[in-house]
Amino acid sequence: MVPEEVEILSRLSQTLEARKGAAPSSSYVASLYARGVDVMARKVGEEAVETILAAKDRDHPALVREIADLWFHSLVLLVDQGGSAQEVLNELARREGVSGHVEKAARQDAQPLQGAGS
């Protein structure tokens, strides 16, 4: 990713952070924050479904638009939870050059067993 693209994500994260304290009527993002994590998470789910449908339809322009919506709403949710685009970029950089099978197995090995201690 070239620096300009990283800058776009950085600026977007900053804008999303700034919207946290804004009145819900002042922006779409502020209204999402005001409505809470359930609404934001549901919106990410909706965008994921729309992404899948565009892919299944082999509609490339729609796929690009839907992935942009998915990334945007995912970032809204991430920033709401105190995260940033840079954290995701750092995680992707950490995974670069690592086999997907190896990376997934490492994550599964690190997860606590469900129901342990209950």
C-alpha atoms as a PDB file:
ATOM      1  CA  MET A   1       0.000   0.000   0.000  1.00  0.00           C
ATOM      2  CA  VAL A   2       1.409   3.372  -0.928  1.00  0.00           C
ATOM      3  CA  PRO A   3       1.608   6.148   1.660  1.00  0.00           C
ATOM      4  CA  GLU A   4      -1.305   8.056   0.102  1.00  0.00           C
ATOM      5  CA  GLU A   5      -3.610   5.068   0.654  1.00  0.00           C
ATOM      6  CA  VAL A   6      -2.420   4.705   4.243  1.00  0.00           C
ATOM      7  CA  GLU A   7      -3.068   8.421   4.714  1.00  0.00           C
ATOM      8  CA  ILE A   8      -6.658   7.979   3.518  1.00  0.00           C
ATOM      9  CA  LEU A   9      -7.244   5.352   6.208  1.00  0.00           C
ATOM     10  CA  SER A  10      -5.512   7.503   8.811  1.00  0.00           C
ATOM     11  CA  ARG A  11      -7.617  10.548   7.923  1.00  0.00           C
ATOM     12  CA  LEU A  12     -10.768   8.444   7.973  1.00  0.00           C
ATOM     13  CA  SER A  13      -9.888   7.089  11.435  1.00  0.00           C
ATOM     14  CA  GLN A  14      -9.302  10.640  12.671  1.00  0.00           C
ATOM     15  CA  THR A  15     -12.631  11.796  11.236  1.00  0.00           C
ATOM     16  CA  LEU A  16     -14.450   8.864  12.804  1.00  0.00           C
ATOM     17  CA  GLU A  17     -12.797   9.593  16.152  1.00  0.00           C
ATOM     18  CA  ALA A  18     -13.836  13.261  15.919  1.00  0.00           C
ATOM     19  CA  ARG A  19     -17.456  12.236  15.286  1.00  0.00           C
ATOM     20  CA  LYS A  20     -17.631  10.413  18.632  1.00  0.00           C
ATOM     21  CA  GLY A  21     -18.574  13.550  20.522  1.00  0.00           C
ATOM     22  CA  ALA A  22     -20.777  15.035  17.835  1.00  0.00           C
ATOM     23  CA  ALA A  23     -24.531  15.399  18.012  1.00  0.00           C
ATOM     24  CA  PRO A  24     -26.310  12.474  16.324  1.00  0.00           C
ATOM     25  CA  SER A  25     -28.099  14.887  14.009  1.00  0.00           C
ATOM     26  CA  SER A  26     -24.787  16.327  12.784  1.00  0.00           C
ATOM     27  CA  SER A  27     -23.510  13.290  10.860  1.00  0.00           C
ATOM     28  CA  TYR A  28     -24.305   9.741   9.850  1.00  0.00           C
ATOM     29  CA  VAL A  29     -21.355   8.405  11.859  1.00  0.00           C
ATOM     30  CA  ALA A  30     -22.386  10.336  14.978  1.00  0.00           C
ATOM     31  CA  SER A  31     -25.866   8.842  14.622  1.00  0.00           C
ATOM     32  CA  LEU A  32     -24.358   5.334  14.443  1.00  0.00           C
ATOM     33  CA  TYR A  33     -22.320   5.962  17.596  1.00  0.00           C
ATOM     34  CA  ALA A  34     -25.411   7.249  19.387  1.00  0.00           C
ATOM     35  CA  ARG A  35     -27.379   4.142  18.436  1.00  0.00           C
ATOM     36  CA  GLY A  36     -24.787   1.813  19.951  1.00  0.00           C
ATOM     37  CA  VAL A  37     -22.688  -1.216  19.219  1.00  0.00           C
ATOM     38  CA  ASP A  38     -25.592  -3.476  18.237  1.00  0.00           C
ATOM     39  CA  VAL A  39     -26.610  -1.138  15.409  1.00  0.00           C
ATOM     40  CA  MET A  40     -23.012  -0.702  14.252  1.00  0.00           C
ATOM     41  CA  ALA A  41     -22.382  -4.454  14.299  1.00  0.00           C
ATOM     42  CA  ARG A  42     -25.624  -5.114  12.439  1.00  0.00           C
ATOM     43  CA  LYS A  43     -24.578  -2.582   9.809  1.00  0.00           C
ATOM     44  CA  VAL A  44     -21.268  -4.431   9.325  1.00  0.00           C
ATOM     45  CA  GLY A  45     -23.256  -7.635   8.871  1.00  0.00           C
ATOM     46  CA  GLU A  46     -25.559  -6.023   6.313  1.00  0.00           C
ATOM     47  CA  GLU A  47     -22.594  -4.728   4.340  1.00  0.00           C
ATOM     48  CA  ALA A  48     -20.953  -8.165   4.451  1.00  0.00           C
ATOM     49  CA  VAL A  49     -24.096  -9.755   3.000  1.00  0.00           C
ATOM     50  CA  GLU A  50     -24.284  -7.095   0.282  1.00  0.00           C
ATOM     51  CA  THR A  51     -20.617  -7.777  -0.519  1.00  0.00           C
ATOM     52  CA  ILE A  52     -21.336 -11.488  -0.875  1.00  0.00           C
ATOM     53  CA  LEU A  53     -24.323 -10.848  -3.126  1.00  0.00           C
ATOM     54  CA  ALA A  54     -22.322  -8.531  -5.392  1.00  0.00           C
ATOM     55  CA  ALA A  55     -19.592 -11.182  -5.649  1.00  0.00           C
ATOM     56  CA  LYS A  56     -22.081 -13.928  -6.442  1.00  0.00           C
ATOM     57  CA  ASP A  57     -23.590 -11.685  -9.139  1.00  0.00           C
ATOM     58  CA  ARG A  58     -20.070 -11.115 -10.502  1.00  0.00           C
ATOM     59  CA  ASP A  59     -20.844  -7.388 -10.476  1.00  0.00           C
ATOM     60  CA  HIS A  60     -17.363  -5.921 -10.068  1.00  0.00           C
ATOM     61  CA  PRO A  61     -18.367  -2.231  -9.713  1.00  0.00           C
ATOM     62  CA  ALA A  62     -20.972  -3.162  -7.085  1.00  0.00           C
ATOM     63  CA  LEU A  63     -18.439  -5.416  -5.348  1.00  0.00           C
ATOM     64  CA  VAL A  64     -15.971  -2.537  -5.036  1.00  0.00           C
ATOM     65  CA  ARG A  65     -18.688  -0.229  -3.655  1.00  0.00           C
ATOM     66  CA  GLU A  66     -19.898  -2.835  -1.172  1.00  0.00           C
ATOM     67  CA  ILE A  67     -16.387  -3.608   0.056  1.00  0.00           C
ATOM     68  CA  ALA A  68     -15.839   0.135   0.539  1.00  0.00           C
ATOM     69  CA  ASP A  69     -19.050   0.210   2.608  1.00  0.00           C
ATOM     70  CA  LEU A  70     -17.908  -2.861   4.553  1.00  0.00           C
ATOM     71  CA  TRP A  71     -14.498  -1.362   5.306  1.00  0.00           C
ATOM     72  CA  PHE A  72     -16.096   1.952   6.292  1.00  0.00           C
ATOM     73  CA  HIS A  73     -18.617   0.438   8.685  1.00  0.00           C
ATOM     74  CA  SER A  74     -15.995  -1.936  10.092  1.00  0.00           C
ATOM     75  CA  LEU A  75     -13.809   1.080  10.846  1.00  0.00           C
ATOM     76  CA  VAL A  76     -16.730   2.866  12.514  1.00  0.00           C
ATOM     77  CA  LEU A  77     -17.162  -0.159  14.780  1.00  0.00           C
ATOM     78  CA  LEU A  78     -13.427  -0.433  15.421  1.00  0.00           C
ATOM     79  CA  VAL A  79     -13.051   3.255  16.306  1.00  0.00           C
ATOM     80  CA  ASP A  80     -16.084   3.016  18.578  1.00  0.00           C
ATOM     81  CA  GLN A  81     -14.236   0.261  20.434  1.00  0.00           C
ATOM     82  CA  GLY A  82     -11.101   2.408  20.791  1.00  0.00           C
ATOM     83  CA  GLY A  83      -9.231   1.008  17.787  1.00  0.00           C
ATOM     84  CA  SER A  84      -7.797   2.492  14.618  1.00  0.00           C
ATOM     85  CA  ALA A  85      -7.065   1.617  11.019  1.00  0.00           C
ATOM     86  CA  GLN A  86      -3.367   1.601  11.904  1.00  0.00           C
ATOM     87  CA  GLU A  87      -3.907  -1.341  14.253  1.00  0.00           C
ATOM     88  CA  VAL A  88      -5.455  -3.346  11.419  1.00  0.00           C
ATOM     89  CA  LEU A  89      -2.609  -2.376   9.086  1.00  0.00           C
ATOM     90  CA  ASN A  90      -0.118  -3.458  11.757  1.00  0.00           C
ATOM     91  CA  GLU A  91      -1.888  -6.803  12.099  1.00  0.00           C
ATOM     92  CA  LEU A  92      -1.872  -7.334   8.340  1.00  0.00           C
ATOM     93  CA  ALA A  93       1.832  -6.463   8.254  1.00  0.00           C
ATOM     94  CA  ARG A  94       2.464  -8.970  11.061  1.00  0.00           C
ATOM     95  CA  ARG A  95       0.738 -11.671   9.016  1.00  0.00           C
ATOM     96  CA  GLU A  96       2.537 -10.840   5.777  1.00  0.00           C
ATOM     97  CA  GLY A  97       4.578 -13.778   4.563  1.00  0.00           C
ATOM     98  CA  VAL A  98       2.979 -16.164   7.054  1.00  0.00           C
ATOM     99  CA  SER A  99       0.991 -19.063   5.663  1.00  0.00           C
ATOM    100  CA  GLY A 100      -2.715 -18.564   6.254  1.00  0.00           C
ATOM    101  CA  HIS A 101      -2.928 -22.098   7.634  1.00  0.00           C
ATOM    102  CA  VAL A 102      -0.107 -21.419  10.099  1.00  0.00           C
ATOM    103  CA  GLU A 103      -1.545 -18.053  11.160  1.00  0.00           C
ATOM    104  CA  LYS A 104      -5.034 -19.491  11.703  1.00  0.00           C
ATOM    105  CA  ALA A 105      -3.668 -22.440  13.699  1.00  0.00           C
ATOM    106  CA  ALA A 106      -1.680 -20.051  15.904  1.00  0.00           C
ATOM    107  CA  ARG A 107      -4.844 -18.047  16.647  1.00  0.00           C
ATOM    108  CA  GLN A 108      -6.806 -21.198  17.459  1.00  0.00           C
ATOM    109  CA  ASP A 109      -4.035 -22.477  19.735  1.00  0.00           C
ATOM    110  CA  ALA A 110      -4.091 -19.179  21.658  1.00  0.00           C
ATOM    111  CA  GLN A 111      -7.873 -19.221  22.252  1.00  0.00           C
ATOM    112  CA  PRO A 112      -9.117 -20.469  25.626  1.00  0.00           C
ATOM    113  CA  LEU A 113     -11.299 -23.553  25.563  1.00  0.00           C
ATOM    114  CA  GLN A 114     -15.014 -22.792  25.558  1.00  0.00           C
ATOM    115  CA  GLY A 115     -16.636 -23.669  28.835  1.00  0.00           C
ATOM    116  CA  ALA A 116     -13.317 -24.164  30.619  1.00  0.00           C
ATOM    117  CA  GLY A 117     -13.666 -23.432  34.282  1.00  0.00           C
ATOM    118  CA  SER A 118     -17.451 -23.281  34.174  1.00  0.00           C
END
